[in-house]
Amino acid sequence: MESGLKEKILGTELLPSQVALFYLGQVGFILKYQGKYLMIDGYLSDYVDRNFSSDLVQWKRLYPSPIRSEELDFLDYVFCTHTHCDHADPDTLKAVAECNQKAVFMGCASVCSALKEYGIPAERICKIKADEEMLLEGNIRVTGVPAAHEELHPDGEGGYEETGILFALGEKKIFHSGDCCPYDGLEQRIQNCDALILPVNGRDYYRTYVKDIIGCFDSVEAITIARNTNAGLLMPVHWDLYEVNSVNPGIFADAIHRLAPSLPYHIFVPGERYILA
């Protein structure tokens, strides 16, 4: 039985210049552009709950996935920003690979190694390099952008362990950072995007050093980056799935109205569609 979101995705009709974004929860999205479907950081299982909960930290999803992995037989590309299991989920990726023989799986070197460990054939895996643009089918281009989680982690191969994706879909530019914190050089790489998808769950001493939860931008940092890069729209994510690593979206809304009241933003609910026109 289909979830309903699949029908919504496939049934969405767009003008050639439009991009539809469908929110999957946490930081996951499916992008639709000119009949092509791209998923980034889709986390559709409870893998983290089952494998990483402890007496100190209890991981428990606050809502179910809006779509099942087994429904994703229509995807053309699957992107992962890094190997943490809420971004490169073994259960989700294995299920997509099994039900979908056409999807190409893409990520930095560490992601590619993880994908091979999950049993995805090497011929279906494509490496993304930092600061190098790749042309995919049609008018789709992607560029790897180093991500600092909470700092930059060079991989020894000229890349980084965490790598966000800058999508150029025709004239539209969308940047998805994955998990990231500010660093010198980030703003120069992502100028004039139509949309920025940035985590806003923040970081603090107790999460980082006591609970071993590595953090991301806080709301002020994400808003500042969006303002400094002339972003057309800011989409805050990574605030809603796990209570132990969440933030009240009201904090983000308050900050944006104080710091950048003219900056458009959109806060998603799981399964929601947004059309970037």
Protein backbone atom coordinates (compact mmCIF):
# COMPACT_ATOMS: atom_id res chain seq x y z
CA MET A 1 0.00 0.00 0.00
CA GLU A 2 1.43 3.37 -1.03
CA SER A 3 1.83 6.16 1.51
CA GLY A 4 0.17 8.86 -0.56
CA LEU A 5 3.36 10.89 -0.80
CA LYS A 6 4.55 8.84 -3.77
CA GLU A 7 1.35 9.68 -5.61
CA LYS A 8 1.81 13.36 -4.74
CA ILE A 9 5.42 13.35 -5.98
CA LEU A 10 4.70 11.60 -9.26
CA GLY A 11 1.52 13.59 -9.84
CA THR A 12 3.08 17.01 -9.31
CA GLU A 13 3.14 18.90 -12.61
CA LEU A 14 5.77 21.57 -13.03
CA LEU A 15 6.80 24.20 -15.54
CA PRO A 16 10.22 23.48 -17.07
CA SER A 17 11.84 26.10 -14.84
CA GLN A 18 10.26 24.91 -11.57
CA VAL A 19 11.67 22.61 -8.89
CA ALA A 20 9.50 20.76 -6.37
CA LEU A 21 10.94 19.86 -2.96
CA PHE A 22 9.32 17.17 -0.82
CA TYR A 23 10.38 17.01 2.83
CA LEU A 24 11.11 13.54 4.23
CA GLY A 25 12.01 14.55 7.78
CA GLN A 26 15.30 15.25 9.59
CA VAL A 27 17.24 16.73 6.62
CA GLY A 28 15.90 14.48 3.85
CA PHE A 29 14.35 15.73 0.62
CA ILE A 30 13.26 14.51 -2.77
CA LEU A 31 13.73 17.06 -5.55
CA LYS A 32 11.74 16.89 -8.77
CA TYR A 33 12.98 18.73 -11.85
CA GLN A 34 12.03 18.17 -15.50
CA GLY A 35 10.89 14.61 -14.85
CA LYS A 36 13.99 13.64 -12.84
CA TYR A 37 13.93 12.69 -9.17
CA LEU A 38 16.81 13.27 -6.76
CA MET A 39 16.84 12.25 -3.10
CA ILE A 40 19.32 13.66 -0.60
CA ASP A 41 19.90 12.32 2.92
CA GLY A 42 16.71 10.31 2.98
CA TYR A 43 16.36 8.63 6.39
CA LEU A 44 13.20 6.53 6.27
CA SER A 45 13.75 3.85 8.93
CA ASP A 46 14.40 3.67 12.67
CA TYR A 47 17.97 2.40 12.23
CA VAL A 48 19.40 4.98 14.65
CA ASP A 49 16.84 4.09 17.33
CA ARG A 50 17.64 0.38 17.10
CA ASN A 51 21.41 0.67 16.95
CA PHE A 52 22.53 3.75 18.86
CA SER A 53 20.26 4.16 21.90
CA SER A 54 21.97 3.82 25.29
CA ASP A 55 21.31 4.54 28.96
CA LEU A 56 22.77 8.02 28.36
CA VAL A 57 21.02 8.87 25.09
CA GLN A 58 17.67 7.51 23.96
CA TRP A 59 17.03 7.90 20.24
CA LYS A 60 13.34 7.66 19.37
CA ARG A 61 11.73 9.02 16.22
CA LEU A 62 9.05 11.59 16.98
CA TYR A 63 7.11 10.77 13.79
CA PRO A 64 7.10 8.02 11.16
CA SER A 65 8.62 8.44 7.73
CA PRO A 66 6.13 9.99 5.27
CA ILE A 67 7.09 7.43 2.60
CA ARG A 68 8.45 3.88 2.59
CA SER A 69 11.82 3.09 1.03
CA GLU A 70 10.23 0.35 -1.07
CA GLU A 71 8.12 2.99 -2.86
CA LEU A 72 11.15 4.80 -4.25
CA ASP A 73 11.43 2.88 -7.50
CA PHE A 74 11.22 6.15 -9.44
CA LEU A 75 14.38 7.85 -8.11
CA ASP A 76 17.12 8.67 -10.58
CA TYR A 77 19.80 9.82 -8.12
CA VAL A 78 20.40 9.22 -4.42
CA PHE A 79 22.79 11.59 -2.61
CA CYS A 80 24.28 11.28 0.87
CA THR A 81 26.27 14.08 2.48
CA HIS A 82 28.13 11.88 4.99
CA THR A 83 28.08 8.48 6.63
CA HIS A 84 26.07 9.18 9.80
CA CYS A 85 23.13 6.82 9.69
CA ASP A 86 20.45 9.52 9.68
CA HIS A 87 21.98 10.69 6.39
CA ALA A 88 23.31 7.48 4.85
CA ASP A 89 20.85 5.02 6.35
CA PRO A 90 21.72 1.39 5.58
CA ASP A 91 18.08 0.28 5.72
CA THR A 92 16.86 3.02 3.37
CA LEU A 93 19.71 2.71 0.90
CA LYS A 94 19.57 -1.09 0.67
CA ALA A 95 15.82 -1.03 0.12
CA VAL A 96 16.08 1.62 -2.60
CA ALA A 97 18.85 -0.30 -4.36
CA GLU A 98 16.73 -3.45 -4.30
CA CYS A 99 13.51 -1.93 -5.64
CA ASN A 100 15.15 0.47 -8.08
CA GLN A 101 17.68 -0.75 -10.61
CA LYS A 102 18.22 2.62 -12.32
CA ALA A 103 19.14 4.83 -9.35
CA VAL A 104 22.72 6.11 -9.13
CA PHE A 105 24.09 6.56 -5.60
CA MET A 106 26.36 9.58 -5.06
CA GLY A 107 28.51 11.01 -2.31
CA CYS A 108 32.04 11.79 -1.20
CA ALA A 109 34.73 9.11 -0.87
CA SER A 110 33.68 7.98 2.63
CA VAL A 111 30.05 7.70 1.52
CA CYS A 112 31.08 5.64 -1.51
CA SER A 113 32.96 3.24 0.77
CA ALA A 114 29.90 2.89 3.02
CA LEU A 115 27.64 2.26 0.03
CA LYS A 116 29.89 -0.61 -1.08
CA GLU A 117 29.74 -2.05 2.45
CA TYR A 118 25.95 -1.94 2.21
CA GLY A 119 26.17 -4.17 -0.86
CA ILE A 120 25.39 -1.58 -3.52
CA PRO A 121 27.27 -2.52 -6.73
CA ALA A 122 30.27 -0.34 -7.54
CA GLU A 123 28.90 0.42 -11.02
CA ARG A 124 25.92 2.17 -9.42
CA ILE A 125 28.08 4.41 -7.20
CA CYS A 126 29.48 7.78 -8.30
CA LYS A 127 31.98 9.82 -6.29
CA ILE A 128 31.44 13.52 -5.75
CA LYS A 129 34.56 15.64 -5.32
CA ALA A 130 34.72 18.86 -3.34
CA ASP A 131 34.59 22.02 -5.44
CA GLU A 132 34.19 20.13 -8.72
CA GLU A 133 31.03 20.47 -10.78
CA MET A 134 29.51 17.37 -12.37
CA LEU A 135 26.99 17.38 -15.21
CA LEU A 136 24.28 14.77 -14.84
CA GLU A 137 21.34 14.04 -17.15
CA GLY A 138 19.57 16.98 -18.72
CA ASN A 139 20.34 20.36 -17.28
CA ILE A 140 21.32 19.07 -13.83
CA ARG A 141 24.68 19.96 -12.31
CA VAL A 142 26.00 19.15 -8.84
CA THR A 143 29.02 20.44 -6.95
CA GLY A 144 30.44 19.07 -3.71
CA VAL A 145 30.87 21.70 -0.97
CA PRO A 146 33.01 20.89 2.08
CA ALA A 147 30.96 20.71 5.30
CA ALA A 148 32.33 21.26 8.81
CA HIS A 149 30.72 18.89 11.32
CA GLU A 150 31.69 20.54 13.83
CA GLU A 151 34.99 21.14 12.00
CA LEU A 152 36.33 20.19 8.58
CA HIS A 153 37.59 16.61 8.35
CA PRO A 154 39.92 16.11 5.33
CA ASP A 155 39.73 12.55 4.03
CA GLY A 156 43.33 12.28 2.86
CA GLU A 157 42.21 12.03 -0.76
CA GLY A 158 41.76 15.73 -1.43
CA GLY A 159 38.17 15.73 -0.18
CA TYR A 160 36.25 15.85 3.08
CA GLU A 161 34.39 13.32 5.22
CA GLU A 162 31.30 15.54 5.13
CA THR A 163 30.36 17.15 1.82
CA GLY A 164 27.23 19.18 1.10
CA ILE A 165 25.70 19.38 -2.36
CA LEU A 166 25.10 22.48 -4.47
CA PHE A 167 22.43 21.63 -7.03
CA ALA A 168 22.13 23.69 -10.21
CA LEU A 169 18.80 22.68 -11.76
CA GLY A 170 18.55 24.82 -14.86
CA GLU A 171 18.67 28.38 -13.55
CA LYS A 172 17.77 27.36 -9.99
CA LYS A 173 20.50 26.89 -7.36
CA ILE A 174 19.76 24.91 -4.20
CA PHE A 175 22.36 24.20 -1.54
CA HIS A 176 21.92 21.35 0.94
CA SER A 177 24.70 21.44 3.51
CA GLY A 178 24.07 18.15 5.28
CA ASP A 179 25.39 18.53 8.83
CA CYS A 180 27.55 21.65 8.94
CA CYS A 181 28.89 24.52 11.03
CA PRO A 182 30.36 27.84 9.82
CA TYR A 183 33.90 27.88 8.44
CA ASP A 184 36.06 30.25 6.42
CA GLY A 185 35.26 29.86 2.73
CA LEU A 186 31.74 28.48 2.99
CA GLU A 187 29.93 31.70 2.14
CA GLN A 188 32.04 32.26 -0.96
CA ARG A 189 31.03 28.84 -2.30
CA ILE A 190 27.27 29.31 -1.99
CA GLN A 191 26.56 32.86 -3.11
CA ASN A 192 23.19 33.77 -4.66
CA CYS A 193 21.37 30.48 -4.15
CA ASP A 194 17.63 30.40 -4.69
CA ALA A 195 17.29 28.21 -1.61
CA LEU A 196 19.55 27.17 1.27
CA ILE A 197 18.69 24.00 3.21
CA LEU A 198 20.60 24.29 6.49
CA PRO A 199 20.43 22.45 9.84
CA VAL A 200 19.60 24.63 12.85
CA ASN A 201 19.80 22.18 15.76
CA GLY A 202 22.94 23.90 17.07
CA ARG A 203 25.55 22.46 19.39
CA ASP A 204 26.65 22.77 23.00
CA TYR A 205 29.15 21.33 25.44
CA TYR A 206 26.83 18.70 26.92
CA ARG A 207 25.67 17.32 23.59
CA THR A 208 29.17 17.29 22.10
CA TYR A 209 31.30 16.13 25.00
CA VAL A 210 28.87 14.30 27.27
CA LYS A 211 26.42 12.70 24.87
CA ASP A 212 28.77 12.54 21.82
CA ILE A 213 26.22 14.25 19.57
CA ILE A 214 28.09 16.32 17.00
CA GLY A 215 26.34 19.60 16.25
CA CYS A 216 25.50 21.96 13.42
CA PHE A 217 24.59 25.61 12.79
CA ASP A 218 22.38 27.33 15.28
CA SER A 219 19.58 29.56 14.03
CA VAL A 220 21.59 32.78 14.18
CA GLU A 221 24.46 31.25 12.20
CA ALA A 222 22.16 29.84 9.50
CA ILE A 223 20.31 33.15 9.16
CA THR A 224 23.58 35.10 9.00
CA ILE A 225 24.91 32.85 6.25
CA ALA A 226 21.69 33.19 4.27
CA ARG A 227 21.79 36.97 4.60
CA ASN A 228 25.49 37.22 3.74
CA THR A 229 25.14 35.03 0.64
CA ASN A 230 22.05 36.79 -0.74
CA ALA A 231 19.96 33.63 -0.51
CA GLY A 232 16.47 33.80 -1.96
CA LEU A 233 14.98 31.47 0.66
CA LEU A 234 16.13 29.73 3.83
CA MET A 235 14.78 26.30 4.76
CA PRO A 236 15.76 25.25 8.32
CA VAL A 237 15.99 21.51 8.98
CA HIS A 238 17.39 18.96 11.49
CA TRP A 239 15.24 20.34 14.30
CA ASP A 240 12.25 18.01 14.48
CA LEU A 241 12.95 14.25 14.44
CA TYR A 242 14.77 13.45 17.71
CA GLU A 243 14.03 15.10 21.03
CA VAL A 244 17.64 14.67 22.20
CA ASN A 245 18.93 16.72 19.26
CA SER A 246 16.10 19.11 18.46
CA VAL A 247 15.29 22.79 18.79
CA ASN A 248 12.04 24.71 19.07
CA PRO A 249 11.34 26.22 15.60
CA GLY A 250 10.01 29.28 17.40
CA ILE A 251 13.62 30.12 18.29
CA PHE A 252 14.46 30.18 14.58
CA ALA A 253 11.38 32.26 13.72
CA ASP A 254 12.19 34.77 16.47
CA ALA A 255 15.80 35.07 15.32
CA ILE A 256 14.94 35.62 11.69
CA HIS A 257 12.42 38.33 12.52
CA ARG A 258 15.04 40.09 14.66
CA LEU A 259 18.04 39.68 12.35
CA ALA A 260 16.67 39.46 8.80
CA PRO A 261 12.95 40.26 8.72
CA SER A 262 12.92 40.56 4.92
CA LEU A 263 14.54 37.14 4.34
CA PRO A 264 11.97 34.60 3.09
CA TYR A 265 11.96 31.27 4.92
CA HIS A 266 9.92 28.09 5.06
CA ILE A 267 9.57 25.62 7.94
CA PHE A 268 8.44 22.20 6.68
CA VAL A 269 6.21 19.51 8.08
CA PRO A 270 6.98 15.90 7.03
CA GLY A 271 5.62 15.02 3.60
CA GLU A 272 5.08 18.63 2.59
CA ARG A 273 5.67 19.85 -0.96
CA TYR A 274 7.22 23.23 -1.80
CA ILE A 275 7.45 24.47 -5.39
CA LEU A 276 10.40 26.74 -6.10
CA ALA A 277 9.23 28.95 -8.97
